N, C-alpha and C. Protein backbone atom coordinates (compact mmCIF):
# COMPACT_ATOMS: atom_id res chain seq x y z
N MET A 1 32.97 155.33 136.24
CA MET A 1 33.12 154.37 137.28
C MET A 1 32.30 153.12 137.02
N LYS A 2 31.16 153.37 136.49
CA LYS A 2 30.34 152.22 136.15
C LYS A 2 31.06 151.33 135.16
N ALA A 3 31.77 151.91 134.27
CA ALA A 3 32.49 151.13 133.28
C ALA A 3 33.60 150.34 133.95
N ALA A 4 34.27 150.94 134.92
CA ALA A 4 35.35 150.24 135.61
C ALA A 4 34.79 149.07 136.40
N VAL A 5 33.62 149.25 137.03
CA VAL A 5 32.98 148.17 137.79
C VAL A 5 32.58 147.06 136.82
N LYS A 6 32.04 147.47 135.71
CA LYS A 6 31.62 146.49 134.72
C LYS A 6 32.83 145.73 134.19
N ASP A 7 33.92 146.48 133.95
CA ASP A 7 35.14 145.82 133.48
C ASP A 7 35.66 144.83 134.52
N ALA A 8 35.60 145.21 135.80
CA ALA A 8 36.05 144.32 136.87
C ALA A 8 35.17 143.09 136.93
N GLU A 9 33.85 143.28 136.78
CA GLU A 9 32.93 142.15 136.80
C GLU A 9 33.19 141.21 135.62
N ILE A 10 33.46 141.82 134.48
CA ILE A 10 33.73 141.03 133.28
C ILE A 10 35.02 140.23 133.48
N LEU A 11 36.04 140.89 134.05
CA LEU A 11 37.29 140.20 134.29
C LEU A 11 37.09 139.05 135.29
N GLU A 12 36.30 139.31 136.32
CA GLU A 12 36.01 138.25 137.32
C GLU A 12 35.26 137.10 136.66
N LEU A 13 34.28 137.42 135.83
CA LEU A 13 33.51 136.37 135.15
C LEU A 13 34.39 135.59 134.17
N ARG A 14 35.30 136.27 133.49
CA ARG A 14 36.23 135.61 132.58
C ARG A 14 37.13 134.67 133.38
N GLY A 15 37.57 135.11 134.53
CA GLY A 15 38.40 134.26 135.38
C GLY A 15 37.64 133.02 135.83
N GLN A 16 36.39 133.25 136.24
CA GLN A 16 35.57 132.11 136.65
C GLN A 16 35.33 131.17 135.47
N ASN A 17 35.09 131.78 134.31
CA ASN A 17 34.85 130.98 133.10
C ASN A 17 36.10 130.15 132.77
N GLU A 18 37.27 130.76 132.88
CA GLU A 18 38.51 130.04 132.62
C GLU A 18 38.71 128.93 133.64
N ALA A 19 38.36 129.18 134.91
CA ALA A 19 38.50 128.16 135.95
C ALA A 19 37.55 126.99 135.67
N VAL A 20 36.32 127.34 135.27
CA VAL A 20 35.34 126.29 134.95
C VAL A 20 35.81 125.51 133.72
N ALA A 21 36.32 126.20 132.71
CA ALA A 21 36.81 125.53 131.51
C ALA A 21 37.99 124.63 131.85
N SER A 22 38.89 125.10 132.73
CA SER A 22 40.03 124.29 133.15
C SER A 22 39.55 123.06 133.91
N GLU A 23 38.60 123.25 134.82
CA GLU A 23 38.04 122.11 135.58
C GLU A 23 37.34 121.13 134.65
N ARG A 24 36.64 121.69 133.65
CA ARG A 24 35.96 120.84 132.66
C ARG A 24 36.98 120.00 131.90
N ASP A 25 38.09 120.61 131.50
CA ASP A 25 39.13 119.89 130.78
C ASP A 25 39.73 118.78 131.64
N ILE A 26 39.95 119.11 132.92
CA ILE A 26 40.48 118.10 133.85
C ILE A 26 39.49 116.95 133.99
N LEU A 27 38.21 117.26 134.15
CA LEU A 27 37.18 116.23 134.30
C LEU A 27 37.06 115.39 133.03
N ARG A 28 37.18 116.04 131.87
CA ARG A 28 37.14 115.29 130.61
C ARG A 28 38.32 114.31 130.53
N ALA A 29 39.50 114.78 130.93
CA ALA A 29 40.68 113.91 130.91
C ALA A 29 40.50 112.75 131.89
N GLU A 30 39.96 113.03 133.08
CA GLU A 30 39.71 111.96 134.06
C GLU A 30 38.68 110.97 133.54
N LEU A 31 37.65 111.51 132.87
CA LEU A 31 36.61 110.65 132.30
C LEU A 31 37.22 109.76 131.21
N ALA A 32 38.04 110.32 130.34
CA ALA A 32 38.69 109.55 129.28
C ALA A 32 39.58 108.47 129.89
N SER A 33 40.33 108.83 130.93
CA SER A 33 41.19 107.86 131.60
C SER A 33 40.35 106.75 132.24
N SER A 34 39.25 107.13 132.88
CA SER A 34 38.37 106.14 133.50
C SER A 34 37.76 105.21 132.45
N LEU A 35 37.38 105.78 131.30
CA LEU A 35 36.82 104.95 130.22
C LEU A 35 37.88 103.98 129.68
N ASP A 36 39.11 104.46 129.56
CA ASP A 36 40.20 103.57 129.12
C ASP A 36 40.40 102.44 130.11
N LEU A 37 40.42 102.78 131.40
CA LEU A 37 40.57 101.75 132.44
C LEU A 37 39.41 100.77 132.41
N LEU A 38 38.21 101.28 132.18
CA LEU A 38 37.03 100.41 132.10
C LEU A 38 37.16 99.45 130.92
N GLN A 39 37.61 99.94 129.77
CA GLN A 39 37.78 99.07 128.61
C GLN A 39 38.84 98.00 128.88
N ILE A 40 39.93 98.39 129.52
CA ILE A 40 40.98 97.43 129.85
C ILE A 40 40.42 96.37 130.80
N ALA A 41 39.67 96.82 131.80
CA ALA A 41 39.09 95.89 132.76
C ALA A 41 38.11 94.94 132.08
N GLN A 42 37.31 95.46 131.14
CA GLN A 42 36.37 94.61 130.42
C GLN A 42 37.09 93.56 129.58
N LYS A 43 38.20 93.96 128.94
CA LYS A 43 38.97 93.02 128.14
C LYS A 43 39.60 91.95 129.04
N GLU A 44 40.13 92.38 130.18
CA GLU A 44 40.72 91.42 131.11
C GLU A 44 39.65 90.47 131.65
N PHE A 45 38.46 91.00 131.94
CA PHE A 45 37.37 90.15 132.42
C PHE A 45 36.99 89.12 131.37
N ALA A 46 36.90 89.57 130.11
CA ALA A 46 36.56 88.64 129.02
C ALA A 46 37.63 87.56 128.90
N ALA A 47 38.90 87.96 128.98
CA ALA A 47 39.98 86.98 128.88
C ALA A 47 39.94 86.01 130.04
N LEU A 48 39.68 86.52 131.24
CA LEU A 48 39.58 85.64 132.41
C LEU A 48 38.38 84.70 132.30
N SER A 49 37.30 85.19 131.74
CA SER A 49 36.12 84.34 131.56
C SER A 49 36.43 83.19 130.61
N VAL A 50 37.15 83.50 129.55
CA VAL A 50 37.53 82.45 128.59
C VAL A 50 38.46 81.45 129.27
N THR A 51 39.43 81.96 130.01
CA THR A 51 40.38 81.09 130.71
C THR A 51 39.66 80.21 131.72
N LYS A 52 38.71 80.80 132.45
CA LYS A 52 37.94 80.04 133.43
C LYS A 52 37.15 78.94 132.73
N SER A 53 36.52 79.28 131.63
CA SER A 53 35.73 78.30 130.88
C SER A 53 36.62 77.15 130.39
N GLU A 54 37.80 77.50 129.87
CA GLU A 54 38.73 76.46 129.41
C GLU A 54 39.20 75.59 130.57
N ALA A 55 39.46 76.22 131.70
CA ALA A 55 39.91 75.46 132.88
C ALA A 55 38.80 74.51 133.35
N GLU A 56 37.56 74.98 133.32
CA GLU A 56 36.44 74.12 133.72
C GLU A 56 36.29 72.95 132.76
N GLU A 57 36.47 73.20 131.46
CA GLU A 57 36.39 72.12 130.48
C GLU A 57 37.52 71.11 130.71
N ASP A 58 38.73 71.62 130.97
CA ASP A 58 39.86 70.74 131.23
C ASP A 58 39.60 69.89 132.48
N ALA A 59 39.09 70.54 133.53
CA ALA A 59 38.82 69.82 134.78
C ALA A 59 37.77 68.73 134.54
N SER A 60 36.75 69.06 133.77
CA SER A 60 35.71 68.08 133.46
C SER A 60 36.30 66.91 132.67
N SER A 61 37.15 67.22 131.72
CA SER A 61 37.80 66.17 130.93
C SER A 61 38.69 65.30 131.82
N TYR A 62 39.44 65.94 132.73
CA TYR A 62 40.31 65.18 133.63
C TYR A 62 39.48 64.28 134.55
N ARG A 63 38.34 64.80 135.02
CA ARG A 63 37.47 63.96 135.88
C ARG A 63 36.96 62.75 135.10
N LYS A 64 36.55 62.97 133.86
CA LYS A 64 36.08 61.85 133.04
C LYS A 64 37.21 60.85 132.80
N ASP A 65 38.40 61.38 132.49
CA ASP A 65 39.55 60.49 132.26
C ASP A 65 39.87 59.69 133.53
N ALA A 66 39.82 60.36 134.67
CA ALA A 66 40.11 59.67 135.95
C ALA A 66 39.07 58.59 136.21
N ALA A 67 37.81 58.90 135.92
CA ALA A 67 36.75 57.90 136.12
C ALA A 67 36.98 56.70 135.20
N THR A 68 37.36 56.96 133.97
CA THR A 68 37.62 55.88 133.02
C THR A 68 38.79 55.02 133.49
N VAL A 69 39.87 55.69 133.91
CA VAL A 69 41.04 54.96 134.39
C VAL A 69 40.70 54.14 135.62
N ASN A 70 39.92 54.72 136.53
CA ASN A 70 39.52 53.99 137.73
C ASN A 70 38.69 52.77 137.37
N GLU A 71 37.79 52.93 136.42
CA GLU A 71 36.96 51.80 135.99
C GLU A 71 37.83 50.70 135.36
N GLN A 72 38.79 51.12 134.54
CA GLN A 72 39.69 50.14 133.94
C GLN A 72 40.51 49.42 135.01
N ALA A 73 40.96 50.17 136.01
CA ALA A 73 41.73 49.56 137.10
C ALA A 73 40.88 48.55 137.86
N ARG A 74 39.60 48.91 138.10
CA ARG A 74 38.70 47.96 138.79
C ARG A 74 38.51 46.70 137.96
N GLU A 75 38.35 46.85 136.65
CA GLU A 75 38.18 45.68 135.78
C GLU A 75 39.43 44.81 135.79
N ILE A 76 40.59 45.43 135.71
CA ILE A 76 41.85 44.67 135.74
C ILE A 76 42.00 43.95 137.07
N LEU A 77 41.68 44.65 138.15
CA LEU A 77 41.77 44.04 139.48
C LEU A 77 40.82 42.85 139.59
N GLU A 78 39.61 43.00 139.08
CA GLU A 78 38.63 41.91 139.14
C GLU A 78 39.11 40.71 138.33
N LYS A 79 39.65 40.97 137.14
CA LYS A 79 40.17 39.88 136.31
C LYS A 79 41.34 39.19 136.99
N ALA A 80 42.22 39.98 137.59
CA ALA A 80 43.38 39.41 138.29
C ALA A 80 42.91 38.56 139.47
N LYS A 81 41.91 39.04 140.18
CA LYS A 81 41.38 38.28 141.31
C LYS A 81 40.77 36.96 140.84
N GLN A 82 40.00 37.02 139.76
CA GLN A 82 39.41 35.80 139.22
C GLN A 82 40.49 34.82 138.77
N LYS A 83 41.54 35.35 138.13
CA LYS A 83 42.63 34.49 137.67
C LYS A 83 43.34 33.86 138.85
N LEU A 84 43.57 34.65 139.90
CA LEU A 84 44.20 34.12 141.11
C LEU A 84 43.33 33.05 141.75
N ASP A 85 42.04 33.31 141.83
CA ASP A 85 41.12 32.31 142.41
C ASP A 85 41.18 31.01 141.61
N ARG A 86 41.21 31.13 140.27
CA ARG A 86 41.29 29.91 139.44
C ARG A 86 42.63 29.20 139.65
N ALA A 87 43.72 29.97 139.77
CA ALA A 87 45.03 29.36 139.98
C ALA A 87 45.08 28.64 141.32
N ILE A 88 44.47 29.23 142.34
CA ILE A 88 44.43 28.58 143.65
C ILE A 88 43.59 27.30 143.58
N ALA A 89 42.45 27.37 142.89
CA ALA A 89 41.60 26.19 142.75
C ALA A 89 42.34 25.10 141.99
N TYR A 90 43.08 25.48 140.96
CA TYR A 90 43.87 24.50 140.20
C TYR A 90 44.94 23.86 141.09
N ALA A 91 45.63 24.69 141.86
CA ALA A 91 46.69 24.16 142.74
C ALA A 91 46.09 23.21 143.76
N ARG A 92 44.93 23.52 144.28
CA ARG A 92 44.27 22.62 145.25
C ARG A 92 43.88 21.31 144.59
N ALA A 93 43.33 21.41 143.36
CA ALA A 93 42.93 20.19 142.64
C ALA A 93 44.15 19.33 142.33
N GLU A 94 45.24 19.97 141.94
CA GLU A 94 46.47 19.24 141.63
C GLU A 94 47.00 18.55 142.90
N ALA A 95 46.99 19.28 144.01
CA ALA A 95 47.47 18.70 145.27
C ALA A 95 46.57 17.53 145.68
N ARG A 96 45.27 17.69 145.48
CA ARG A 96 44.32 16.62 145.84
C ARG A 96 44.60 15.37 145.02
N ARG A 97 44.80 15.55 143.71
CA ARG A 97 45.11 14.41 142.83
C ARG A 97 46.41 13.74 143.26
N GLN A 98 47.41 14.54 143.58
CA GLN A 98 48.70 13.98 144.00
C GLN A 98 48.54 13.16 145.29
N VAL A 99 47.72 13.64 146.20
CA VAL A 99 47.47 12.89 147.44
C VAL A 99 46.81 11.55 147.12
N PHE A 100 45.82 11.58 146.22
CA PHE A 100 45.15 10.33 145.83
C PHE A 100 46.14 9.38 145.16
N GLU A 101 46.99 9.92 144.29
CA GLU A 101 47.98 9.07 143.61
C GLU A 101 48.96 8.46 144.61
N GLU A 102 49.40 9.27 145.58
CA GLU A 102 50.32 8.75 146.60
C GLU A 102 49.65 7.66 147.44
N ALA A 103 48.38 7.88 147.80
CA ALA A 103 47.65 6.87 148.57
C ALA A 103 47.44 5.62 147.72
N SER A 104 47.17 5.79 146.45
CA SER A 104 46.97 4.66 145.55
C SER A 104 48.27 3.88 145.39
N ALA A 105 49.41 4.59 145.35
CA ALA A 105 50.71 3.93 145.22
C ALA A 105 51.00 3.06 146.44
N LYS A 106 50.39 3.40 147.56
CA LYS A 106 50.60 2.63 148.80
C LYS A 106 49.61 1.46 148.90
N GLY A 107 48.81 1.27 147.89
CA GLY A 107 47.95 0.10 147.87
C GLY A 107 46.47 0.39 147.99
N THR A 108 46.07 1.59 148.21
CA THR A 108 44.65 1.91 148.32
C THR A 108 44.12 2.15 146.91
N ASN A 109 42.96 1.53 146.58
CA ASN A 109 42.39 1.70 145.25
C ASN A 109 41.56 2.99 145.23
N LEU A 110 42.15 4.01 144.67
CA LEU A 110 41.47 5.31 144.57
C LEU A 110 41.41 5.76 143.11
N SER A 111 41.33 4.81 142.19
CA SER A 111 41.38 5.15 140.76
C SER A 111 40.20 6.05 140.36
N ALA A 112 39.02 5.85 140.92
CA ALA A 112 37.87 6.70 140.59
C ALA A 112 38.11 8.12 141.08
N GLU A 113 38.62 8.24 142.29
CA GLU A 113 38.89 9.57 142.84
C GLU A 113 40.01 10.26 142.07
N ILE A 114 41.01 9.47 141.66
CA ILE A 114 42.12 10.04 140.89
C ILE A 114 41.61 10.54 139.56
N GLU A 115 40.76 9.74 138.90
CA GLU A 115 40.20 10.14 137.61
C GLU A 115 39.35 11.40 137.77
N GLU A 116 38.55 11.46 138.80
CA GLU A 116 37.71 12.63 139.08
C GLU A 116 38.60 13.86 139.34
N ALA A 117 39.68 13.67 140.11
CA ALA A 117 40.60 14.76 140.41
C ALA A 117 41.31 15.24 139.14
N ARG A 118 41.68 14.30 138.24
CA ARG A 118 42.33 14.67 136.98
C ARG A 118 41.36 15.48 136.11
N ASP A 119 40.11 15.05 136.04
CA ASP A 119 39.12 15.77 135.25
C ASP A 119 38.95 17.20 135.77
N LEU A 120 38.83 17.33 137.08
CA LEU A 120 38.70 18.66 137.69
C LEU A 120 39.94 19.50 137.42
N GLU A 121 41.09 18.88 137.55
CA GLU A 121 42.36 19.58 137.32
C GLU A 121 42.45 20.05 135.87
N GLU A 122 42.06 19.21 134.92
CA GLU A 122 42.09 19.58 133.51
C GLU A 122 41.13 20.73 133.23
N GLU A 123 39.95 20.67 133.83
CA GLU A 123 38.96 21.74 133.65
C GLU A 123 39.50 23.06 134.19
N LEU A 124 40.10 23.00 135.36
CA LEU A 124 40.66 24.22 135.96
C LEU A 124 41.87 24.72 135.18
N ALA A 125 42.68 23.80 134.64
CA ALA A 125 43.82 24.19 133.82
C ALA A 125 43.34 24.91 132.58
N PHE A 126 42.26 24.40 131.98
CA PHE A 126 41.69 25.05 130.79
C PHE A 126 41.20 26.45 131.14
N LEU A 127 40.54 26.60 132.27
CA LEU A 127 40.06 27.93 132.67
C LEU A 127 41.21 28.89 132.91
N ASN A 128 42.31 28.39 133.44
CA ASN A 128 43.48 29.25 133.70
C ASN A 128 44.13 29.71 132.40
N THR A 129 44.10 28.88 131.38
CA THR A 129 44.76 29.24 130.11
C THR A 129 43.83 29.93 129.15
N SER A 130 42.54 30.02 129.48
CA SER A 130 41.58 30.63 128.54
C SER A 130 41.65 32.14 128.51
N ASP A 131 42.38 32.79 129.44
CA ASP A 131 42.52 34.26 129.42
C ASP A 131 43.46 34.62 128.35
C-alpha cells in the first residue's frame, strides 16, 4: 500500500510538474512576444524621432525662408514708396514750372522762378531715373 500511495504521489507530482512546465512554456512564449513587440515599438519610436527631427528642421528652414521673404517684401515696398514719393515730387515741380510759364506768358516776369523750377524738376527727374 505504501508503494501505491507513493506511486499516486509521484503521479500527482508529475502532473504538477507537467502543469508548471506547460505554464512555463506559455510564459516564455508571452515573454518572447512581448520582447518582439518591444523591439517593434523601439524601432517605431526611433523612426518617429527621426521624422520629428526632420520636421523640426523643415519648419525652422521654412521660418527662416519666410523671414527672408518678408524682409525682401519690406525692402521692395520701401523702394516703391520712395519711388512714388519722388514721382509725386517731380509731378508737383513740373506743375509748378508750368504755372510759372503760363503766368510768364501772360506778361509776368517769372524767369528766375521758372529757372529755379526747371532746375528742381531736372534734379527730381534724375532721381526718378536713377533706380
